[in-house]
């Protein structure tokens, strides 16, 4: 296969991955890593390296917009980023030591979990601020603006439980080359009881930093190749822009179910090939 043909196929696949990531919030790595490994025979570690570069690029723009709008809780994000960064670096070193077949099995299991999370009904928790709580001591309680212009104050629970969960999310991100947005949102939504809008936007704010931490380790091990990462990054960026336009017009619930089924199929293939030891 010539590089031109490889780049074209990779670009088109990344374009689809970007659309998928924009519609579901799962990130393009859920599609692009199976495409590169199962479809194009790229080494799994190189595919993960390309995915991490893409995550850094795609999360930066949307994260800046959410911070400007006041939706992201930057104080919480910076605090939890300590855990995710440490986890991401540990996951990246672990990935370099583990065989690709083992990583593929874990990747498939996490994808199935993430696809389930992307289609389940979201609960918007808004708990009152509590004097004397750790969230107030760390000045994490805040407020956000609703679509009607009203300001809604919220408090945060289980600060250190969420911190521990974030360490696991960072580990999965560094090990598998995905944003682990589902795990981050799960920690902030179910454990810390943050409003869903705030947890998703804060997760987006954190994803790029987490990916950057592990990308340094992948680069040092030679797992980030420009000839693979370049068409992936361009395709996912364009796909994310296109996906945001589709999201405004299409019935996103049906699209989420469709992509969840696709991801579950890809996850099953990754698990199967990993168990066979062919990756």
C-alpha atoms as a PDB file:
ATOM      1  CA  UNK A   1       0.000   0.000   0.000  1.00  0.00           C
ATOM      2  CA  UNK A   2       1.390   3.414  -0.982  1.00  0.00           C
ATOM      3  CA  UNK A   3       1.530   6.149   1.629  1.00  0.00           C
ATOM      4  CA  UNK A   4      -0.879   8.309  -0.401  1.00  0.00           C
ATOM      5  CA  UNK A   5      -3.527   5.573  -0.285  1.00  0.00           C
ATOM      6  CA  UNK A   6      -2.841   4.948   3.406  1.00  0.00           C
ATOM      7  CA  UNK A   7      -3.161   8.670   4.195  1.00  0.00           C
ATOM      8  CA  UNK A   8      -6.436   8.938   2.251  1.00  0.00           C
ATOM      9  CA  UNK A   9      -8.016   5.953   4.012  1.00  0.00           C
ATOM     10  CA  UNK A  10      -6.762   7.213   7.374  1.00  0.00           C
ATOM     11  CA  UNK A  11      -8.102  10.711   6.701  1.00  0.00           C
ATOM     12  CA  UNK A  12     -11.574   9.421   5.742  1.00  0.00           C
ATOM     13  CA  UNK A  13     -11.682   7.139   8.761  1.00  0.00           C
ATOM     14  CA  UNK A  14     -10.567   9.989  11.029  1.00  0.00           C
ATOM     15  CA  UNK A  15     -13.246  12.215   9.487  1.00  0.00           C
ATOM     16  CA  UNK A  16     -15.889   9.670  10.495  1.00  0.00           C
ATOM     17  CA  UNK A  17     -14.265   9.331  13.912  1.00  0.00           C
ATOM     18  CA  UNK A  18     -14.399  13.096  14.421  1.00  0.00           C
ATOM     19  CA  UNK A  19     -18.102  13.204  13.561  1.00  0.00           C
ATOM     20  CA  UNK A  20     -18.732  10.304  15.930  1.00  0.00           C
ATOM     21  CA  UNK A  21     -16.767  11.913  18.745  1.00  0.00           C
ATOM     22  CA  UNK A  22     -18.585  15.208  18.367  1.00  0.00           C
ATOM     23  CA  UNK A  23     -22.027  13.554  18.453  1.00  0.00           C
ATOM     24  CA  UNK A  24     -21.407  11.245  21.401  1.00  0.00           C
ATOM     25  CA  UNK A  25     -18.692  12.943  23.452  1.00  0.00           C
ATOM     26  CA  UNK A  26     -16.658   9.723  23.500  1.00  0.00           C
ATOM     27  CA  UNK A  27     -13.808  11.055  21.387  1.00  0.00           C
ATOM     28  CA  UNK A  28     -12.462   9.955  18.024  1.00  0.00           C
ATOM     29  CA  UNK A  29     -10.008   7.443  19.479  1.00  0.00           C
ATOM     30  CA  UNK A  30     -12.823   4.924  19.928  1.00  0.00           C
ATOM     31  CA  UNK A  31     -13.015   4.612  16.130  1.00  0.00           C
ATOM     32  CA  UNK A  32      -9.611   5.640  14.849  1.00  0.00           C
ATOM     33  CA  UNK A  33      -7.587   3.156  16.944  1.00  0.00           C
ATOM     34  CA  UNK A  34      -9.567   0.088  15.739  1.00  0.00           C
ATOM     35  CA  UNK A  35      -9.421   1.476  12.166  1.00  0.00           C
ATOM     36  CA  UNK A  36      -5.637   1.782  12.241  1.00  0.00           C
ATOM     37  CA  UNK A  37      -4.978  -1.540  13.974  1.00  0.00           C
ATOM     38  CA  UNK A  38      -7.700  -3.839  12.599  1.00  0.00           C
ATOM     39  CA  UNK A  39      -8.147  -2.213   9.193  1.00  0.00           C
ATOM     40  CA  UNK A  40      -4.697  -0.950   8.268  1.00  0.00           C
ATOM     41  CA  UNK A  41      -2.382  -3.155  10.322  1.00  0.00           C
ATOM     42  CA  UNK A  42      -0.751  -0.308  12.246  1.00  0.00           C
ATOM     43  CA  UNK A  43       0.985  -1.257  15.498  1.00  0.00           C
ATOM     44  CA  UNK A  44      -1.364  -0.592  18.416  1.00  0.00           C
ATOM     45  CA  UNK A  45       1.151   1.598  20.251  1.00  0.00           C
ATOM     46  CA  UNK A  46       1.567   3.820  17.164  1.00  0.00           C
ATOM     47  CA  UNK A  47      -2.223   4.067  16.801  1.00  0.00           C
ATOM     48  CA  UNK A  48      -2.532   5.130  20.439  1.00  0.00           C
ATOM     49  CA  UNK A  49       0.178   7.758  19.929  1.00  0.00           C
ATOM     50  CA  UNK A  50      -1.680   9.223  16.940  1.00  0.00           C
ATOM     51  CA  UNK A  51      -4.924   9.250  18.929  1.00  0.00           C
ATOM     52  CA  UNK A  52      -3.321  11.177  21.797  1.00  0.00           C
ATOM     53  CA  UNK A  53      -2.059  13.893  19.441  1.00  0.00           C
ATOM     54  CA  UNK A  54      -5.561  14.201  18.020  1.00  0.00           C
ATOM     55  CA  UNK A  55      -7.123  14.503  21.482  1.00  0.00           C
ATOM     56  CA  UNK A  56      -4.806  17.398  22.326  1.00  0.00           C
ATOM     57  CA  UNK A  57      -5.731  19.222  19.115  1.00  0.00           C
ATOM     58  CA  UNK A  58      -9.496  18.691  19.238  1.00  0.00           C
ATOM     59  CA  UNK A  59     -10.049  19.397  22.924  1.00  0.00           C
ATOM     60  CA  UNK A  60      -8.206  22.734  22.965  1.00  0.00           C
ATOM     61  CA  UNK A  61     -10.708  24.765  20.932  1.00  0.00           C
ATOM     62  CA  UNK A  62     -13.889  23.533  22.578  1.00  0.00           C
ATOM     63  CA  UNK A  63     -12.320  23.700  26.051  1.00  0.00           C
ATOM     64  CA  UNK A  64     -11.441  27.366  25.557  1.00  0.00           C
ATOM     65  CA  UNK A  65     -15.008  28.129  24.447  1.00  0.00           C
ATOM     66  CA  UNK A  66     -16.551  26.422  27.482  1.00  0.00           C
ATOM     67  CA  UNK A  67     -14.210  28.259  29.867  1.00  0.00           C
ATOM     68  CA  UNK A  68     -15.085  31.572  28.239  1.00  0.00           C
ATOM     69  CA  UNK A  69     -18.800  30.861  28.668  1.00  0.00           C
ATOM     70  CA  UNK A  70     -18.268  30.060  32.342  1.00  0.00           C
ATOM     71  CA  UNK A  71     -19.561  26.487  32.068  1.00  0.00           C
ATOM     72  CA  UNK A  72     -16.327  24.712  33.041  1.00  0.00           C
ATOM     73  CA  UNK A  73     -15.320  24.753  36.700  1.00  0.00           C
ATOM     74  CA  UNK A  74     -11.642  25.543  36.236  1.00  0.00           C
ATOM     75  CA  UNK A  75     -10.794  25.216  39.940  1.00  0.00           C
ATOM     76  CA  UNK A  76     -12.190  21.676  40.076  1.00  0.00           C
ATOM     77  CA  UNK A  77     -10.560  20.828  36.757  1.00  0.00           C
ATOM     78  CA  UNK A  78      -7.101  21.939  37.924  1.00  0.00           C
ATOM     79  CA  UNK A  79      -7.454  20.044  41.215  1.00  0.00           C
ATOM     80  CA  UNK A  80      -8.593  16.809  39.559  1.00  0.00           C
ATOM     81  CA  UNK A  81      -5.978  17.202  36.820  1.00  0.00           C
ATOM     82  CA  UNK A  82      -3.307  16.375  39.394  1.00  0.00           C
ATOM     83  CA  UNK A  83      -4.786  12.874  39.674  1.00  0.00           C
ATOM     84  CA  UNK A  84      -5.440  12.395  35.943  1.00  0.00           C
ATOM     85  CA  UNK A  85      -1.946  13.575  34.968  1.00  0.00           C
ATOM     86  CA  UNK A  86      -0.249  11.222  37.412  1.00  0.00           C
ATOM     87  CA  UNK A  87      -2.496   8.406  36.201  1.00  0.00           C
ATOM     88  CA  UNK A  88      -1.859   9.246  32.543  1.00  0.00           C
ATOM     89  CA  UNK A  89       1.918   9.160  32.940  1.00  0.00           C
ATOM     90  CA  UNK A  90       1.682   5.845  34.811  1.00  0.00           C
ATOM     91  CA  UNK A  91      -0.619   4.458  32.107  1.00  0.00           C
ATOM     92  CA  UNK A  92       1.756   5.520  29.338  1.00  0.00           C
ATOM     93  CA  UNK A  93       4.705   3.762  30.994  1.00  0.00           C
ATOM     94  CA  UNK A  94       2.524   0.702  31.593  1.00  0.00           C
ATOM     95  CA  UNK A  95       1.478   0.671  27.934  1.00  0.00           C
ATOM     96  CA  UNK A  96       5.120   0.558  26.843  1.00  0.00           C
ATOM     97  CA  UNK A  97       5.656  -2.565  28.972  1.00  0.00           C
ATOM     98  CA  UNK A  98       2.461  -4.477  28.129  1.00  0.00           C
ATOM     99  CA  UNK A  99       1.960  -6.513  24.937  1.00  0.00           C
ATOM    100  CA  UNK A 100      -0.460  -5.077  22.382  1.00  0.00           C
ATOM    101  CA  UNK A 101      -2.834  -8.044  22.794  1.00  0.00           C
ATOM    102  CA  UNK A 102      -3.412  -7.270  26.490  1.00  0.00           C
ATOM    103  CA  UNK A 103      -3.988  -3.577  25.778  1.00  0.00           C
ATOM    104  CA  UNK A 104      -6.482  -4.482  23.030  1.00  0.00           C
ATOM    105  CA  UNK A 105      -8.609  -6.523  25.456  1.00  0.00           C
ATOM    106  CA  UNK A 106      -8.696  -3.710  28.022  1.00  0.00           C
ATOM    107  CA  UNK A 107      -9.425  -1.219  25.231  1.00  0.00           C
ATOM    108  CA  UNK A 108     -12.425  -3.253  24.078  1.00  0.00           C
ATOM    109  CA  UNK A 109     -13.868  -3.554  27.585  1.00  0.00           C
ATOM    110  CA  UNK A 110     -13.553   0.194  28.226  1.00  0.00           C
ATOM    111  CA  UNK A 111     -15.148   0.959  24.841  1.00  0.00           C
ATOM    112  CA  UNK A 112     -18.190  -1.164  25.678  1.00  0.00           C
ATOM    113  CA  UNK A 113     -18.553   0.649  29.000  1.00  0.00           C
ATOM    114  CA  UNK A 114     -18.140   4.053  27.307  1.00  0.00           C
ATOM    115  CA  UNK A 115     -20.723   3.261  24.615  1.00  0.00           C
ATOM    116  CA  UNK A 116     -23.243   2.281  27.305  1.00  0.00           C
ATOM    117  CA  UNK A 117     -22.536   5.499  29.177  1.00  0.00           C
ATOM    118  CA  UNK A 118     -22.962   7.610  26.030  1.00  0.00           C
ATOM    119  CA  UNK A 119     -26.574   6.470  25.474  1.00  0.00           C
ATOM    120  CA  UNK A 120     -27.859   6.226  29.041  1.00  0.00           C
ATOM    121  CA  UNK A 121     -30.179   8.926  30.326  1.00  0.00           C
ATOM    122  CA  UNK A 122     -28.248  11.764  31.913  1.00  0.00           C
ATOM    123  CA  UNK A 123     -29.316  13.012  35.363  1.00  0.00           C
ATOM    124  CA  UNK A 124     -28.686  16.681  36.099  1.00  0.00           C
ATOM    125  CA  UNK A 125     -27.630  16.771  39.761  1.00  0.00           C
ATOM    126  CA  UNK A 126     -27.743  20.162  41.456  1.00  0.00           C
ATOM    127  CA  UNK A 127     -27.027  19.956  45.182  1.00  0.00           C
ATOM    128  CA  UNK A 128     -26.937  22.973  47.534  1.00  0.00           C
ATOM    129  CA  UNK A 129     -23.715  24.516  48.736  1.00  0.00           C
ATOM    130  CA  UNK A 130     -22.783  23.407  52.263  1.00  0.00           C
ATOM    131  CA  UNK A 131     -20.788  25.468  54.755  1.00  0.00           C
ATOM    132  CA  UNK A 132     -17.771  23.653  56.168  1.00  0.00           C
ATOM    133  CA  UNK A 133     -17.558  21.087  53.360  1.00  0.00           C
ATOM    134  CA  UNK A 134     -14.275  20.338  51.598  1.00  0.00           C
ATOM    135  CA  UNK A 135     -15.693  21.821  48.386  1.00  0.00           C
ATOM    136  CA  UNK A 136     -16.161  25.150  50.164  1.00  0.00           C
ATOM    137  CA  UNK A 137     -12.762  24.973  51.834  1.00  0.00           C
ATOM    138  CA  UNK A 138     -11.194  24.446  48.398  1.00  0.00           C
ATOM    139  CA  UNK A 139     -13.568  27.031  46.846  1.00  0.00           C
ATOM    140  CA  UNK A 140     -15.015  24.547  44.362  1.00  0.00           C
ATOM    141  CA  UNK A 141     -18.702  25.449  44.766  1.00  0.00           C
ATOM    142  CA  UNK A 142     -19.776  27.673  41.908  1.00  0.00           C
ATOM    143  CA  UNK A 143     -22.671  28.552  39.575  1.00  0.00           C
ATOM    144  CA  UNK A 144     -23.521  28.307  35.890  1.00  0.00           C
ATOM    145  CA  UNK A 145     -25.921  30.032  33.514  1.00  0.00           C
ATOM    146  CA  UNK A 146     -28.958  28.181  32.172  1.00  0.00           C
ATOM    147  CA  UNK A 147     -30.253  28.674  28.619  1.00  0.00           C
ATOM    148  CA  UNK A 148     -32.954  31.038  29.901  1.00  0.00           C
ATOM    149  CA  UNK A 149     -30.272  33.273  31.430  1.00  0.00           C
ATOM    150  CA  UNK A 150     -30.895  32.271  35.035  1.00  0.00           C
ATOM    151  CA  UNK A 151     -27.943  31.580  37.330  1.00  0.00           C
ATOM    152  CA  UNK A 152     -27.945  28.248  39.161  1.00  0.00           C
ATOM    153  CA  UNK A 153     -25.608  27.751  42.117  1.00  0.00           C
ATOM    154  CA  UNK A 154     -24.353  24.258  42.945  1.00  0.00           C
ATOM    155  CA  UNK A 155     -22.249  22.461  45.522  1.00  0.00           C
ATOM    156  CA  UNK A 156     -19.884  19.503  45.232  1.00  0.00           C
ATOM    157  CA  UNK A 157     -19.735  16.274  47.277  1.00  0.00           C
ATOM    158  CA  UNK A 158     -17.085  13.566  47.788  1.00  0.00           C
ATOM    159  CA  UNK A 159     -14.156  15.658  46.579  1.00  0.00           C
ATOM    160  CA  UNK A 160     -11.516  13.039  47.384  1.00  0.00           C
ATOM    161  CA  UNK A 161     -13.632  10.153  46.073  1.00  0.00           C
ATOM    162  CA  UNK A 162     -13.774  11.964  42.734  1.00  0.00           C
ATOM    163  CA  UNK A 163     -10.011  12.593  42.941  1.00  0.00           C
ATOM    164  CA  UNK A 164      -9.349   8.860  43.329  1.00  0.00           C
ATOM    165  CA  UNK A 165     -11.642   8.008  40.401  1.00  0.00           C
ATOM    166  CA  UNK A 166      -9.790  10.563  38.262  1.00  0.00           C
ATOM    167  CA  UNK A 167      -6.536   8.718  38.865  1.00  0.00           C
ATOM    168  CA  UNK A 168      -8.115   5.645  37.277  1.00  0.00           C
ATOM    169  CA  UNK A 169      -9.467   7.723  34.388  1.00  0.00           C
ATOM    170  CA  UNK A 170      -5.994   9.122  33.731  1.00  0.00           C
ATOM    171  CA  UNK A 171      -4.494   5.621  33.863  1.00  0.00           C
ATOM    172  CA  UNK A 172      -6.948   4.413  31.201  1.00  0.00           C
ATOM    173  CA  UNK A 173      -6.262   7.480  29.055  1.00  0.00           C
ATOM    174  CA  UNK A 174      -2.498   6.952  29.112  1.00  0.00           C
ATOM    175  CA  UNK A 175      -2.789   3.198  28.609  1.00  0.00           C
ATOM    176  CA  UNK A 176      -5.350   3.243  25.790  1.00  0.00           C
ATOM    177  CA  UNK A 177      -4.943   6.626  24.070  1.00  0.00           C
ATOM    178  CA  UNK A 178      -8.537   7.724  24.646  1.00  0.00           C
ATOM    179  CA  UNK A 179      -9.805  10.832  26.406  1.00  0.00           C
ATOM    180  CA  UNK A 180     -11.567   8.771  29.110  1.00  0.00           C
ATOM    181  CA  UNK A 181     -14.271  11.422  29.082  1.00  0.00           C
ATOM    182  CA  UNK A 182     -16.867   8.868  30.151  1.00  0.00           C
ATOM    183  CA  UNK A 183     -14.900   7.960  33.272  1.00  0.00           C
ATOM    184  CA  UNK A 184     -14.253  11.619  34.094  1.00  0.00           C
ATOM    185  CA  UNK A 185     -17.911  12.540  33.704  1.00  0.00           C
ATOM    186  CA  UNK A 186     -18.899   9.488  35.764  1.00  0.00           C
ATOM    187  CA  UNK A 187     -16.663  10.673  38.603  1.00  0.00           C
ATOM    188  CA  UNK A 188     -17.955  14.236  38.562  1.00  0.00           C
ATOM    189  CA  UNK A 189     -21.594  13.333  37.873  1.00  0.00           C
ATOM    190  CA  UNK A 190     -22.199  10.271  40.063  1.00  0.00           C
ATOM    191  CA  UNK A 191     -19.557  10.665  42.780  1.00  0.00           C
ATOM    192  CA  UNK A 192     -19.143  14.432  43.138  1.00  0.00           C
ATOM    193  CA  UNK A 193     -22.784  15.166  42.152  1.00  0.00           C
ATOM    194  CA  UNK A 194     -21.929  18.060  39.861  1.00  0.00           C
ATOM    195  CA  UNK A 195     -24.524  19.294  37.313  1.00  0.00           C
ATOM    196  CA  UNK A 196     -24.201  17.332  34.073  1.00  0.00           C
ATOM    197  CA  UNK A 197     -23.459  20.401  31.932  1.00  0.00           C
ATOM    198  CA  UNK A 198     -20.651  21.412  34.263  1.00  0.00           C
ATOM    199  CA  UNK A 199     -19.192  17.904  34.510  1.00  0.00           C
ATOM    200  CA  UNK A 200     -19.102  17.418  30.712  1.00  0.00           C
ATOM    201  CA  UNK A 201     -17.532  20.812  30.002  1.00  0.00           C
ATOM    202  CA  UNK A 202     -15.027  20.439  32.839  1.00  0.00           C
ATOM    203  CA  UNK A 203     -14.131  16.977  31.520  1.00  0.00           C
ATOM    204  CA  UNK A 204     -13.488  18.496  28.092  1.00  0.00           C
ATOM    205  CA  UNK A 205     -11.245  21.095  29.731  1.00  0.00           C
ATOM    206  CA  UNK A 206      -9.217  18.299  31.376  1.00  0.00           C
ATOM    207  CA  UNK A 207      -8.922  15.854  28.466  1.00  0.00           C
ATOM    208  CA  UNK A 208      -6.266  17.761  26.511  1.00  0.00           C
ATOM    209  CA  UNK A 209      -3.962  18.151  29.526  1.00  0.00           C
ATOM    210  CA  UNK A 210      -4.303  14.456  30.384  1.00  0.00           C
ATOM    211  CA  UNK A 211      -3.477  13.437  26.804  1.00  0.00           C
ATOM    212  CA  UNK A 212      -0.497  15.809  26.672  1.00  0.00           C
ATOM    213  CA  UNK A 213       1.018  14.251  29.806  1.00  0.00           C
ATOM    214  CA  UNK A 214       0.944  10.736  28.382  1.00  0.00           C
ATOM    215  CA  UNK A 215       1.881  11.887  24.855  1.00  0.00           C
ATOM    216  CA  UNK A 216       5.304  12.977  26.153  1.00  0.00           C
ATOM    217  CA  UNK A 217       6.018   9.409  27.263  1.00  0.00           C
ATOM    218  CA  UNK A 218       4.775   7.953  23.956  1.00  0.00           C
ATOM    219  CA  UNK A 219       6.988  10.411  22.051  1.00  0.00           C
ATOM    220  CA  UNK A 220      10.029   9.422  24.091  1.00  0.00           C
ATOM    221  CA  UNK A 221       9.387   5.767  23.205  1.00  0.00           C
ATOM    222  CA  UNK A 222       9.062   6.626  19.486  1.00  0.00           C
ATOM    223  CA  UNK A 223       5.326   5.823  19.319  1.00  0.00           C
ATOM    224  CA  UNK A 224       4.261   9.143  17.763  1.00  0.00           C
ATOM    225  CA  UNK A 225       4.883   9.194  13.998  1.00  0.00           C
ATOM    226  CA  UNK A 226       4.062  12.298  11.988  1.00  0.00           C
ATOM    227  CA  UNK A 227       3.078  10.340   8.867  1.00  0.00           C
ATOM    228  CA  UNK A 228       0.347   8.579  10.857  1.00  0.00           C
ATOM    229  CA  UNK A 229      -0.676  11.359  13.231  1.00  0.00           C
ATOM    230  CA  UNK A 230      -1.003  14.084  10.555  1.00  0.00           C
ATOM    231  CA  UNK A 231      -3.897  12.657   8.454  1.00  0.00           C
ATOM    232  CA  UNK A 232      -5.587  11.461  11.652  1.00  0.00           C
ATOM    233  CA  UNK A 233      -5.458  14.900  13.253  1.00  0.00           C
ATOM    234  CA  UNK A 234      -6.713  16.759  10.166  1.00  0.00           C
ATOM    235  CA  UNK A 235      -9.537  14.272   9.608  1.00  0.00           C
ATOM    236  CA  UNK A 236     -10.726  14.311  13.218  1.00  0.00           C
ATOM    237  CA  UNK A 237     -10.610  18.121  13.403  1.00  0.00           C
ATOM    238  CA  UNK A 238     -12.743  18.480  10.265  1.00  0.00           C
ATOM    239  CA  UNK A 239     -15.048  15.695  11.431  1.00  0.00           C
ATOM    240  CA  UNK A 240     -15.568  17.370  14.807  1.00  0.00           C
ATOM    241  CA  UNK A 241     -16.540  20.629  13.084  1.00  0.00           C
ATOM    242  CA  UNK A 242     -18.946  18.789  10.784  1.00  0.00           C
ATOM    243  CA  UNK A 243     -20.353  16.770  13.677  1.00  0.00           C
ATOM    244  CA  UNK A 244     -21.190  19.901  15.640  1.00  0.00           C
ATOM    245  CA  UNK A 245     -23.263  21.153  12.686  1.00  0.00           C
ATOM    246  CA  UNK A 246     -25.052  17.801  12.324  1.00  0.00           C
ATOM    247  CA  UNK A 247     -25.791  17.771  16.043  1.00  0.00           C
ATOM    248  CA  UNK A 248     -27.740  21.014  15.743  1.00  0.00           C
ATOM    249  CA  UNK A 249     -30.094  19.572  13.085  1.00  0.00           C
ATOM    250  CA  UNK A 250     -30.247  15.805  13.487  1.00  0.00           C
ATOM    251  CA  UNK A 251     -31.940  13.662  16.122  1.00  0.00           C
ATOM    252  CA  UNK A 252     -28.849  13.034  18.177  1.00  0.00           C
ATOM    253  CA  UNK A 253     -30.459  10.272  20.270  1.00  0.00           C
ATOM    254  CA  UNK A 254     -30.731   7.926  17.233  1.00  0.00           C
ATOM    255  CA  UNK A 255     -27.225   8.838  16.127  1.00  0.00           C
ATOM    256  CA  UNK A 256     -25.842   8.033  19.569  1.00  0.00           C
ATOM    257  CA  UNK A 257     -27.482   4.585  19.482  1.00  0.00           C
ATOM    258  CA  UNK A 258     -26.154   3.925  15.985  1.00  0.00           C
ATOM    259  CA  UNK A 259     -22.605   4.849  16.909  1.00  0.00           C
ATOM    260  CA  UNK A 260     -22.848   2.934  20.209  1.00  0.00           C
ATOM    261  CA  UNK A 261     -23.652  -0.227  18.244  1.00  0.00           C
ATOM    262  CA  UNK A 262     -20.726   0.438  15.881  1.00  0.00           C
ATOM    263  CA  UNK A 263     -18.369   0.968  18.820  1.00  0.00           C
ATOM    264  CA  UNK A 264     -19.539  -2.226  20.544  1.00  0.00           C
ATOM    265  CA  UNK A 265     -18.799  -4.139  17.332  1.00  0.00           C
ATOM    266  CA  UNK A 266     -15.320  -2.610  17.094  1.00  0.00           C
ATOM    267  CA  UNK A 267     -14.746  -3.313  20.782  1.00  0.00           C
ATOM    268  CA  UNK A 268     -15.722  -6.965  20.327  1.00  0.00           C
ATOM    269  CA  UNK A 269     -13.281  -7.240  17.423  1.00  0.00           C
ATOM    270  CA  UNK A 270     -10.478  -5.716  19.492  1.00  0.00           C
ATOM    271  CA  UNK A 271     -11.165  -8.144  22.353  1.00  0.00           C
ATOM    272  CA  UNK A 272     -11.304 -11.102  19.961  1.00  0.00           C
ATOM    273  CA  UNK A 273      -8.056 -10.199  18.199  1.00  0.00           C
ATOM    274  CA  UNK A 274      -6.394  -9.460  21.526  1.00  0.00           C
ATOM    275  CA  UNK A 275      -7.372 -12.838  22.971  1.00  0.00           C
ATOM    276  CA  UNK A 276      -6.113 -14.517  19.793  1.00  0.00           C
ATOM    277  CA  UNK A 277      -2.831 -12.648  20.181  1.00  0.00           C
ATOM    278  CA  UNK A 278      -2.833 -11.387  16.582  1.00  0.00           C
ATOM    279  CA  UNK A 279      -2.388  -7.696  17.395  1.00  0.00           C
END
